[in-house]
Amino acid sequence: MTPVLYDRRSLLAGGGALLLTGVAGLLSPFRAEDLAPTRSMRGGANNYLPGAPVVERIGGGGFWMSGTVRRAGDGTPLAGQRIQIWAHTTEGSERDPWSHGATLTDAAGAFRLEMPRIVPAFGQPHGHLAYDSGDFETVFLRPVMRNARQRALEAHFVLRPV
């Protein structure tokens, strides 16, 4: 068996790596506790219709809106939370009641709802999402797509308790 010899450089590098790993391990719980809540986006509440029904799909489908819902602070996934979704689509305006629907988050805090393809309104293809169930502060999002050819859009909520 060959003895392992350490020089000063390898000891310093190894000690530095151990120190950084240890410090990162100590700090990560504090960072998780500081997960900031999502702020409502400008224009997010445009054409909002309170009480849109929970649906399996909006219209004929062909486009997927998805995302996650977590609690501010610790980042815990929130199951059973209602997310309303609406947009200007190939089947209607964002003012039309049939262009609105809601879905619930699963056990991992994820949601996914199929809807008609989003088309540009005011020059931008975009969707609207709202958390409005009451256990947490209401948040309205208005994510803008890169282009109208996209077939999916994601939006993520971090919610602050009321």
N, C-alpha and C. Protein backbone atom coordinates (compact mmCIF):
# COMPACT_ATOMS: atom_id res chain seq x y z
N MET A 1 0.84 -1.17 0.00
CA MET A 1 0.00 0.00 0.00
C MET A 1 0.89 1.24 0.00
N THR A 2 0.54 2.19 -0.87
CA THR A 2 1.33 3.41 -1.00
C THR A 2 0.80 4.46 -0.03
N PRO A 3 1.67 5.06 0.76
CA PRO A 3 1.20 6.10 1.68
C PRO A 3 0.75 7.34 0.91
N VAL A 4 -0.29 8.01 1.41
CA VAL A 4 -0.80 9.23 0.79
C VAL A 4 -0.13 10.41 1.47
N LEU A 5 0.47 11.26 0.67
CA LEU A 5 1.14 12.44 1.20
C LEU A 5 0.33 13.69 0.84
N TYR A 6 0.15 14.53 1.79
CA TYR A 6 -0.58 15.77 1.54
C TYR A 6 0.40 16.93 1.60
N ASP A 7 0.32 17.81 0.62
CA ASP A 7 1.11 19.03 0.71
C ASP A 7 0.20 20.16 1.19
N ARG A 8 0.78 21.28 1.43
CA ARG A 8 0.02 22.40 1.97
C ARG A 8 -1.11 22.82 1.04
N ARG A 9 -0.90 22.83 -0.27
CA ARG A 9 -1.90 23.25 -1.24
C ARG A 9 -3.12 22.33 -1.19
N SER A 10 -2.92 21.02 -1.17
CA SER A 10 -4.07 20.10 -1.16
C SER A 10 -4.81 20.18 0.17
N LEU A 11 -4.11 20.39 1.28
CA LEU A 11 -4.79 20.56 2.56
C LEU A 11 -5.62 21.83 2.59
N LEU A 12 -5.09 22.93 2.05
CA LEU A 12 -5.85 24.18 2.02
C LEU A 12 -7.07 24.06 1.11
N ALA A 13 -6.91 23.45 -0.05
CA ALA A 13 -8.04 23.28 -0.98
C ALA A 13 -9.11 22.39 -0.37
N GLY A 14 -8.70 21.29 0.23
CA GLY A 14 -9.67 20.39 0.87
C GLY A 14 -10.37 21.04 2.04
N GLY A 15 -9.62 21.76 2.86
CA GLY A 15 -10.21 22.45 4.01
C GLY A 15 -11.16 23.55 3.56
N GLY A 16 -10.80 24.28 2.51
CA GLY A 16 -11.68 25.33 1.97
C GLY A 16 -12.97 24.75 1.44
N ALA A 17 -12.88 23.62 0.72
CA ALA A 17 -14.09 22.98 0.19
C ALA A 17 -14.98 22.50 1.33
N LEU A 18 -14.38 21.92 2.36
CA LEU A 18 -15.16 21.46 3.52
C LEU A 18 -15.83 22.63 4.23
N LEU A 19 -15.12 23.73 4.38
CA LEU A 19 -15.67 24.91 5.04
C LEU A 19 -16.85 25.47 4.24
N LEU A 20 -16.69 25.60 2.90
CA LEU A 20 -17.77 26.12 2.07
C LEU A 20 -18.98 25.21 2.09
N THR A 21 -18.77 23.92 2.02
CA THR A 21 -19.88 22.97 2.06
C THR A 21 -20.61 23.06 3.40
N GLY A 22 -19.84 23.14 4.46
CA GLY A 22 -20.46 23.24 5.79
C GLY A 22 -21.25 24.52 5.97
N VAL A 23 -20.71 25.65 5.54
CA VAL A 23 -21.40 26.93 5.65
C VAL A 23 -22.66 26.91 4.79
N ALA A 24 -22.57 26.39 3.56
CA ALA A 24 -23.76 26.33 2.69
C ALA A 24 -24.83 25.46 3.32
N GLY A 25 -24.43 24.37 3.95
CA GLY A 25 -25.40 23.49 4.61
C GLY A 25 -26.08 24.16 5.78
N LEU A 26 -25.36 25.04 6.48
CA LEU A 26 -25.96 25.75 7.61
C LEU A 26 -26.88 26.87 7.15
N LEU A 27 -26.54 27.51 6.03
CA LEU A 27 -27.33 28.65 5.56
C LEU A 27 -28.58 28.25 4.79
N SER A 28 -28.59 27.11 4.12
CA SER A 28 -29.73 26.75 3.27
C SER A 28 -31.06 26.69 4.01
N PRO A 29 -31.13 26.22 5.25
CA PRO A 29 -32.43 26.27 5.93
C PRO A 29 -32.92 27.70 6.13
N PHE A 30 -32.00 28.65 6.37
CA PHE A 30 -32.40 30.04 6.56
C PHE A 30 -32.93 30.61 5.25
N ARG A 31 -32.31 30.27 4.11
CA ARG A 31 -32.78 30.76 2.83
C ARG A 31 -34.16 30.21 2.52
N ALA A 32 -34.43 28.96 2.87
CA ALA A 32 -35.75 28.37 2.62
C ALA A 32 -36.82 29.09 3.43
N GLU A 33 -36.46 29.57 4.62
CA GLU A 33 -37.41 30.27 5.48
C GLU A 33 -37.74 31.66 4.94
N ASP A 34 -36.95 32.17 4.00
CA ASP A 34 -37.12 33.51 3.50
C ASP A 34 -37.73 33.57 2.10
N LEU A 35 -38.42 32.54 1.66
CA LEU A 35 -39.00 32.52 0.32
C LEU A 35 -40.06 33.62 0.23
N ALA A 36 -39.80 34.61 -0.60
CA ALA A 36 -40.67 35.78 -0.69
C ALA A 36 -41.96 35.46 -1.44
N PRO A 37 -43.06 36.10 -1.04
CA PRO A 37 -44.33 35.89 -1.74
C PRO A 37 -44.32 36.51 -3.13
N THR A 38 -45.09 35.93 -4.02
CA THR A 38 -45.25 36.46 -5.37
C THR A 38 -46.09 37.73 -5.30
N ARG A 39 -45.68 38.74 -6.02
CA ARG A 39 -46.45 39.97 -6.10
C ARG A 39 -47.36 39.92 -7.33
N SER A 40 -48.52 40.53 -7.22
CA SER A 40 -49.42 40.62 -8.38
C SER A 40 -48.73 41.40 -9.48
N MET A 41 -48.97 40.97 -10.73
CA MET A 41 -48.39 41.65 -11.88
C MET A 41 -49.35 42.71 -12.40
N ARG A 42 -48.81 43.75 -12.92
CA ARG A 42 -49.60 44.81 -13.54
C ARG A 42 -50.42 44.21 -14.69
N GLY A 43 -51.70 44.49 -14.71
CA GLY A 43 -52.58 43.97 -15.75
C GLY A 43 -53.07 42.56 -15.50
N GLY A 44 -52.62 41.94 -14.42
CA GLY A 44 -53.00 40.56 -14.14
C GLY A 44 -54.49 40.38 -13.88
N ALA A 45 -55.11 41.38 -13.27
CA ALA A 45 -56.53 41.26 -12.93
C ALA A 45 -57.47 41.70 -14.06
N ASN A 46 -56.92 42.14 -15.19
CA ASN A 46 -57.76 42.57 -16.31
C ASN A 46 -58.74 41.47 -16.70
N ASN A 47 -60.00 41.83 -16.81
CA ASN A 47 -61.08 40.93 -17.23
C ASN A 47 -61.30 39.75 -16.29
N TYR A 48 -60.87 39.88 -15.05
CA TYR A 48 -61.09 38.85 -14.03
C TYR A 48 -62.59 38.71 -13.76
N LEU A 49 -63.07 37.46 -13.70
CA LEU A 49 -64.46 37.16 -13.36
C LEU A 49 -64.46 36.31 -12.10
N PRO A 50 -64.81 36.87 -10.95
CA PRO A 50 -64.81 36.09 -9.70
C PRO A 50 -65.68 34.84 -9.83
N GLY A 51 -65.21 33.77 -9.22
CA GLY A 51 -66.02 32.56 -9.13
C GLY A 51 -66.06 31.68 -10.36
N ALA A 52 -65.09 31.77 -11.24
CA ALA A 52 -65.07 30.88 -12.41
C ALA A 52 -65.09 29.43 -11.92
N PRO A 53 -65.87 28.56 -12.57
CA PRO A 53 -66.00 27.19 -12.10
C PRO A 53 -64.73 26.36 -12.29
N VAL A 54 -64.55 25.37 -11.42
CA VAL A 54 -63.48 24.39 -11.61
C VAL A 54 -63.90 23.51 -12.77
N VAL A 55 -63.00 23.37 -13.76
CA VAL A 55 -63.31 22.63 -14.98
C VAL A 55 -62.20 21.63 -15.30
N GLU A 56 -62.54 20.64 -16.11
CA GLU A 56 -61.53 19.67 -16.59
C GLU A 56 -60.69 20.28 -17.71
N ARG A 57 -61.31 21.18 -18.51
CA ARG A 57 -60.63 21.81 -19.64
C ARG A 57 -61.44 23.05 -20.03
N ILE A 58 -60.76 24.05 -20.57
CA ILE A 58 -61.44 25.23 -21.11
C ILE A 58 -61.52 25.03 -22.62
N GLY A 59 -62.73 25.04 -23.16
CA GLY A 59 -62.90 24.93 -24.61
C GLY A 59 -62.34 23.65 -25.20
N GLY A 60 -61.86 23.76 -26.44
CA GLY A 60 -61.38 22.59 -27.17
C GLY A 60 -59.96 22.15 -26.84
N GLY A 61 -59.24 22.95 -26.10
CA GLY A 61 -57.90 22.56 -25.69
C GLY A 61 -56.85 22.83 -26.76
N GLY A 62 -55.67 22.23 -26.57
CA GLY A 62 -54.55 22.40 -27.48
C GLY A 62 -53.40 23.20 -26.89
N PHE A 63 -53.59 23.78 -25.70
CA PHE A 63 -52.58 24.60 -25.04
C PHE A 63 -52.61 24.24 -23.56
N TRP A 64 -51.45 24.19 -22.90
CA TRP A 64 -51.39 23.82 -21.48
C TRP A 64 -50.86 24.96 -20.63
N MET A 65 -51.63 25.31 -19.61
CA MET A 65 -51.19 26.27 -18.60
C MET A 65 -50.87 25.45 -17.35
N SER A 66 -49.69 25.65 -16.79
CA SER A 66 -49.29 24.84 -15.63
C SER A 66 -48.44 25.68 -14.68
N GLY A 67 -48.20 25.13 -13.50
CA GLY A 67 -47.36 25.81 -12.53
C GLY A 67 -47.44 25.16 -11.17
N THR A 68 -46.96 25.87 -10.18
CA THR A 68 -46.93 25.36 -8.81
C THR A 68 -47.41 26.45 -7.86
N VAL A 69 -47.83 26.00 -6.67
CA VAL A 69 -48.27 26.91 -5.62
C VAL A 69 -47.58 26.47 -4.33
N ARG A 70 -46.83 27.42 -3.72
CA ARG A 70 -46.11 27.14 -2.47
C ARG A 70 -46.38 28.25 -1.46
N ARG A 71 -46.14 27.94 -0.21
CA ARG A 71 -46.33 28.90 0.87
C ARG A 71 -45.06 29.76 1.00
N ALA A 72 -45.27 31.06 1.17
CA ALA A 72 -44.14 31.97 1.40
C ALA A 72 -43.46 31.57 2.71
N GLY A 73 -42.18 31.83 2.78
CA GLY A 73 -41.40 31.50 3.97
C GLY A 73 -40.71 30.17 3.81
N ASP A 74 -41.46 29.07 4.02
CA ASP A 74 -40.83 27.75 4.01
C ASP A 74 -40.94 27.01 2.68
N GLY A 75 -41.72 27.51 1.73
CA GLY A 75 -41.82 26.88 0.41
C GLY A 75 -42.63 25.61 0.36
N THR A 76 -43.41 25.33 1.39
CA THR A 76 -44.22 24.11 1.42
C THR A 76 -45.21 24.10 0.25
N PRO A 77 -45.28 22.99 -0.53
CA PRO A 77 -46.28 22.90 -1.59
C PRO A 77 -47.69 22.94 -0.99
N LEU A 78 -48.60 23.64 -1.65
CA LEU A 78 -49.96 23.81 -1.15
C LEU A 78 -50.95 23.03 -2.01
N ALA A 79 -51.51 21.98 -1.44
CA ALA A 79 -52.49 21.14 -2.13
C ALA A 79 -53.88 21.74 -2.02
N GLY A 80 -54.73 21.46 -3.02
CA GLY A 80 -56.13 21.85 -2.98
C GLY A 80 -56.39 23.33 -3.15
N GLN A 81 -55.43 24.06 -3.68
CA GLN A 81 -55.61 25.51 -3.89
C GLN A 81 -56.21 25.78 -5.26
N ARG A 82 -57.13 26.71 -5.33
CA ARG A 82 -57.86 27.03 -6.56
C ARG A 82 -57.10 28.10 -7.34
N ILE A 83 -56.81 27.80 -8.61
CA ILE A 83 -56.16 28.74 -9.52
C ILE A 83 -57.11 28.99 -10.69
N GLN A 84 -57.48 30.25 -10.88
CA GLN A 84 -58.31 30.61 -12.03
C GLN A 84 -57.42 31.00 -13.20
N ILE A 85 -57.81 30.58 -14.41
CA ILE A 85 -57.03 30.83 -15.62
C ILE A 85 -57.97 31.40 -16.69
N TRP A 86 -57.50 32.41 -17.42
CA TRP A 86 -58.25 32.94 -18.55
C TRP A 86 -57.27 33.61 -19.52
N ALA A 87 -57.72 33.76 -20.77
CA ALA A 87 -56.86 34.36 -21.79
C ALA A 87 -57.67 34.68 -23.03
N HIS A 88 -57.05 35.44 -23.91
CA HIS A 88 -57.59 35.68 -25.25
C HIS A 88 -57.12 34.50 -26.09
N THR A 89 -58.05 33.70 -26.60
CA THR A 89 -57.68 32.45 -27.27
C THR A 89 -58.31 32.37 -28.67
N THR A 90 -58.03 31.28 -29.34
CA THR A 90 -58.62 31.03 -30.65
C THR A 90 -60.13 30.85 -30.57
N GLU A 91 -60.67 30.70 -29.35
CA GLU A 91 -62.10 30.46 -29.18
C GLU A 91 -62.84 31.60 -28.49
N GLY A 92 -62.14 32.64 -28.08
CA GLY A 92 -62.84 33.74 -27.42
C GLY A 92 -61.93 34.76 -26.79
N SER A 93 -62.54 35.85 -26.40
CA SER A 93 -61.85 36.96 -25.75
C SER A 93 -61.66 36.66 -24.27
N GLU A 94 -60.73 37.35 -23.64
CA GLU A 94 -60.55 37.15 -22.19
C GLU A 94 -61.70 37.73 -21.39
N ARG A 95 -62.60 38.46 -22.02
CA ARG A 95 -63.82 38.96 -21.36
C ARG A 95 -64.94 37.91 -21.37
N ASP A 96 -64.86 36.93 -22.27
CA ASP A 96 -65.92 35.93 -22.41
C ASP A 96 -65.90 34.94 -21.25
N PRO A 97 -67.06 34.69 -20.63
CA PRO A 97 -67.10 33.73 -19.51
C PRO A 97 -66.57 32.34 -19.89
N TRP A 98 -66.76 31.91 -21.14
CA TRP A 98 -66.30 30.58 -21.55
C TRP A 98 -64.78 30.52 -21.75
N SER A 99 -64.11 31.67 -21.64
CA SER A 99 -62.65 31.69 -21.72
C SER A 99 -62.01 31.62 -20.33
N HIS A 100 -62.84 31.43 -19.30
CA HIS A 100 -62.37 31.37 -17.91
C HIS A 100 -62.64 29.98 -17.34
N GLY A 101 -61.74 29.51 -16.50
CA GLY A 101 -61.94 28.27 -15.77
C GLY A 101 -60.96 28.20 -14.63
N ALA A 102 -61.19 27.29 -13.72
CA ALA A 102 -60.30 27.14 -12.57
C ALA A 102 -59.92 25.67 -12.42
N THR A 103 -58.81 25.45 -11.73
CA THR A 103 -58.33 24.11 -11.44
C THR A 103 -57.78 24.11 -10.02
N LEU A 104 -57.58 22.92 -9.46
CA LEU A 104 -57.05 22.78 -8.10
C LEU A 104 -55.66 22.18 -8.15
N THR A 105 -54.82 22.57 -7.19
CA THR A 105 -53.48 22.00 -7.12
C THR A 105 -53.52 20.59 -6.56
N ASP A 106 -52.56 19.76 -6.98
CA ASP A 106 -52.46 18.39 -6.48
C ASP A 106 -51.66 18.35 -5.19
N ALA A 107 -51.35 17.16 -4.70
CA ALA A 107 -50.64 17.00 -3.43
C ALA A 107 -49.26 17.66 -3.43
N ALA A 108 -48.64 17.79 -4.61
CA ALA A 108 -47.32 18.42 -4.72
C ALA A 108 -47.43 19.92 -4.99
N GLY A 109 -48.65 20.47 -4.93
CA GLY A 109 -48.84 21.90 -5.18
C GLY A 109 -48.81 22.28 -6.65
N ALA A 110 -48.90 21.30 -7.55
CA ALA A 110 -48.84 21.57 -8.99
C ALA A 110 -50.25 21.65 -9.58
N PHE A 111 -50.38 22.46 -10.62
CA PHE A 111 -51.64 22.53 -11.36
C PHE A 111 -51.34 22.47 -12.85
N ARG A 112 -52.35 22.06 -13.61
CA ARG A 112 -52.23 21.96 -15.06
C ARG A 112 -53.64 21.99 -15.63
N LEU A 113 -53.88 22.85 -16.62
CA LEU A 113 -55.20 22.96 -17.22
C LEU A 113 -55.03 23.18 -18.72
N GLU A 114 -55.75 22.38 -19.49
CA GLU A 114 -55.73 22.52 -20.94
C GLU A 114 -56.76 23.55 -21.37
N MET A 115 -56.41 24.34 -22.37
CA MET A 115 -57.27 25.40 -22.86
C MET A 115 -56.99 25.63 -24.34
N PRO A 116 -57.80 26.44 -25.03
CA PRO A 116 -57.49 26.74 -26.43
C PRO A 116 -56.18 27.52 -26.54
N ARG A 117 -55.59 27.51 -27.73
CA ARG A 117 -54.34 28.24 -27.95
C ARG A 117 -54.52 29.73 -27.68
N ILE A 118 -53.55 30.30 -27.00
CA ILE A 118 -53.55 31.73 -26.71
C ILE A 118 -53.10 32.48 -27.96
N VAL A 119 -53.80 33.58 -28.26
CA VAL A 119 -53.44 34.43 -29.39
C VAL A 119 -53.15 35.83 -28.85
N PRO A 120 -52.38 36.63 -29.60
CA PRO A 120 -52.03 37.97 -29.11
C PRO A 120 -53.24 38.86 -28.88
N ALA A 121 -53.20 39.57 -27.78
CA ALA A 121 -54.16 40.64 -27.47
C ALA A 121 -53.30 41.86 -27.16
N PHE A 122 -53.57 42.96 -27.79
CA PHE A 122 -52.77 44.17 -27.64
C PHE A 122 -51.31 43.91 -28.01
N GLY A 123 -51.10 43.05 -29.02
CA GLY A 123 -49.76 42.80 -29.53
C GLY A 123 -48.97 41.73 -28.81
N GLN A 124 -49.45 41.23 -27.67
CA GLN A 124 -48.70 40.25 -26.89
C GLN A 124 -49.55 39.03 -26.60
N PRO A 125 -49.02 37.83 -26.90
CA PRO A 125 -49.72 36.63 -26.41
C PRO A 125 -49.43 36.47 -24.92
N HIS A 126 -50.47 36.39 -24.12
CA HIS A 126 -50.28 36.29 -22.66
C HIS A 126 -51.47 35.58 -22.03
N GLY A 127 -51.25 35.07 -20.85
CA GLY A 127 -52.30 34.44 -20.08
C GLY A 127 -52.55 35.23 -18.81
N HIS A 128 -53.63 34.86 -18.14
CA HIS A 128 -53.96 35.46 -16.84
C HIS A 128 -54.21 34.32 -15.87
N LEU A 129 -53.70 34.45 -14.66
CA LEU A 129 -53.94 33.48 -13.60
C LEU A 129 -54.20 34.22 -12.30
N ALA A 130 -55.04 33.62 -11.47
CA ALA A 130 -55.33 34.24 -10.18
C ALA A 130 -55.43 33.18 -9.10
N TYR A 131 -54.82 33.46 -7.95
CA TYR A 131 -55.12 32.72 -6.74
C TYR A 131 -56.10 33.61 -5.99
N ASP A 132 -57.29 33.09 -5.69
CA ASP A 132 -58.31 33.93 -5.06
C ASP A 132 -59.18 33.16 -4.08
N SER A 133 -58.62 32.16 -3.43
CA SER A 133 -59.43 31.29 -2.57
C SER A 133 -59.67 31.82 -1.16
N GLY A 134 -58.84 32.72 -0.68
CA GLY A 134 -59.10 33.32 0.62
C GLY A 134 -58.19 32.90 1.76
N ASP A 135 -57.55 31.74 1.70
CA ASP A 135 -56.64 31.32 2.78
C ASP A 135 -55.34 32.12 2.75
N PHE A 136 -55.01 32.63 1.56
CA PHE A 136 -53.78 33.38 1.34
C PHE A 136 -54.14 34.67 0.62
N GLU A 137 -53.20 35.61 0.55
CA GLU A 137 -53.45 36.86 -0.16
C GLU A 137 -53.70 36.59 -1.64
N THR A 138 -54.65 37.30 -2.23
CA THR A 138 -54.96 37.17 -3.65
C THR A 138 -53.77 37.64 -4.48
N VAL A 139 -53.45 36.88 -5.53
CA VAL A 139 -52.35 37.23 -6.44
C VAL A 139 -52.84 37.05 -7.87
N PHE A 140 -52.59 38.05 -8.70
CA PHE A 140 -52.91 37.99 -10.13
C PHE A 140 -51.61 38.00 -10.93
N LEU A 141 -51.49 37.06 -11.87
CA LEU A 141 -50.31 37.00 -12.73
C LEU A 141 -50.72 37.20 -14.19
N ARG A 142 -49.81 37.75 -14.97
CA ARG A 142 -50.01 37.97 -16.41
C ARG A 142 -48.72 37.63 -17.14
N PRO A 143 -48.40 36.33 -17.24
CA PRO A 143 -47.16 35.96 -17.94
C PRO A 143 -47.30 36.16 -19.45
N VAL A 144 -46.26 36.72 -20.06
CA VAL A 144 -46.22 36.98 -21.49
C VAL A 144 -45.39 35.88 -22.15
N MET A 145 -45.90 35.40 -23.28
CA MET A 145 -45.22 34.34 -24.02
C MET A 145 -44.16 34.94 -24.96
N ARG A 146 -43.14 34.15 -25.30
CA ARG A 146 -42.12 34.59 -26.25
C ARG A 146 -42.73 34.82 -27.62
N ASN A 147 -43.65 33.91 -28.01
CA ASN A 147 -44.34 34.04 -29.29
C ASN A 147 -45.63 33.23 -29.25
N ALA A 148 -46.51 33.47 -30.21
CA ALA A 148 -47.83 32.83 -30.24
C ALA A 148 -47.77 31.37 -30.68
N ARG A 149 -46.60 30.87 -31.08
CA ARG A 149 -46.49 29.46 -31.49
C ARG A 149 -46.31 28.52 -30.29
N GLN A 150 -46.04 29.08 -29.12
CA GLN A 150 -45.88 28.24 -27.93
C GLN A 150 -47.16 27.46 -27.67
N ARG A 151 -47.00 26.25 -27.15
CA ARG A 151 -48.14 25.39 -26.83
C ARG A 151 -48.33 25.21 -25.33
N ALA A 152 -47.52 25.93 -24.53
CA ALA A 152 -47.61 25.81 -23.07
C ALA A 152 -47.05 27.07 -22.43
N LEU A 153 -47.50 27.32 -21.20
CA LEU A 153 -47.02 28.47 -20.43
C LEU A 153 -47.06 28.07 -18.96
N GLU A 154 -46.02 28.45 -18.22
CA GLU A 154 -45.94 28.16 -16.79
C GLU A 154 -46.03 29.43 -15.97
N ALA A 155 -46.62 29.31 -14.81
CA ALA A 155 -46.66 30.41 -13.84
C ALA A 155 -46.60 29.80 -12.45
N HIS A 156 -45.83 30.41 -11.56
CA HIS A 156 -45.63 29.86 -10.23
C HIS A 156 -46.03 30.89 -9.17
N PHE A 157 -46.74 30.40 -8.15
CA PHE A 157 -47.23 31.25 -7.06
C PHE A 157 -46.51 30.89 -5.77
N VAL A 158 -46.11 31.90 -5.03
CA VAL A 158 -45.65 31.75 -3.65
C VAL A 158 -46.58 32.64 -2.84
N LEU A 159 -47.38 32.04 -1.98
CA LEU A 159 -48.48 32.74 -1.32
C LEU A 159 -48.22 33.05 0.15
N ARG A 160 -48.67 34.23 0.56
CA ARG A 160 -48.56 34.69 1.95
C ARG A 160 -49.91 34.48 2.62
N PRO A 161 -49.94 33.82 3.81
CA PRO A 161 -51.22 33.64 4.52
C PRO A 161 -51.88 34.99 4.81
N VAL A 162 -53.22 34.98 4.85
CA VAL A 162 -53.98 36.19 5.15
C VAL A 162 -53.83 36.51 6.62
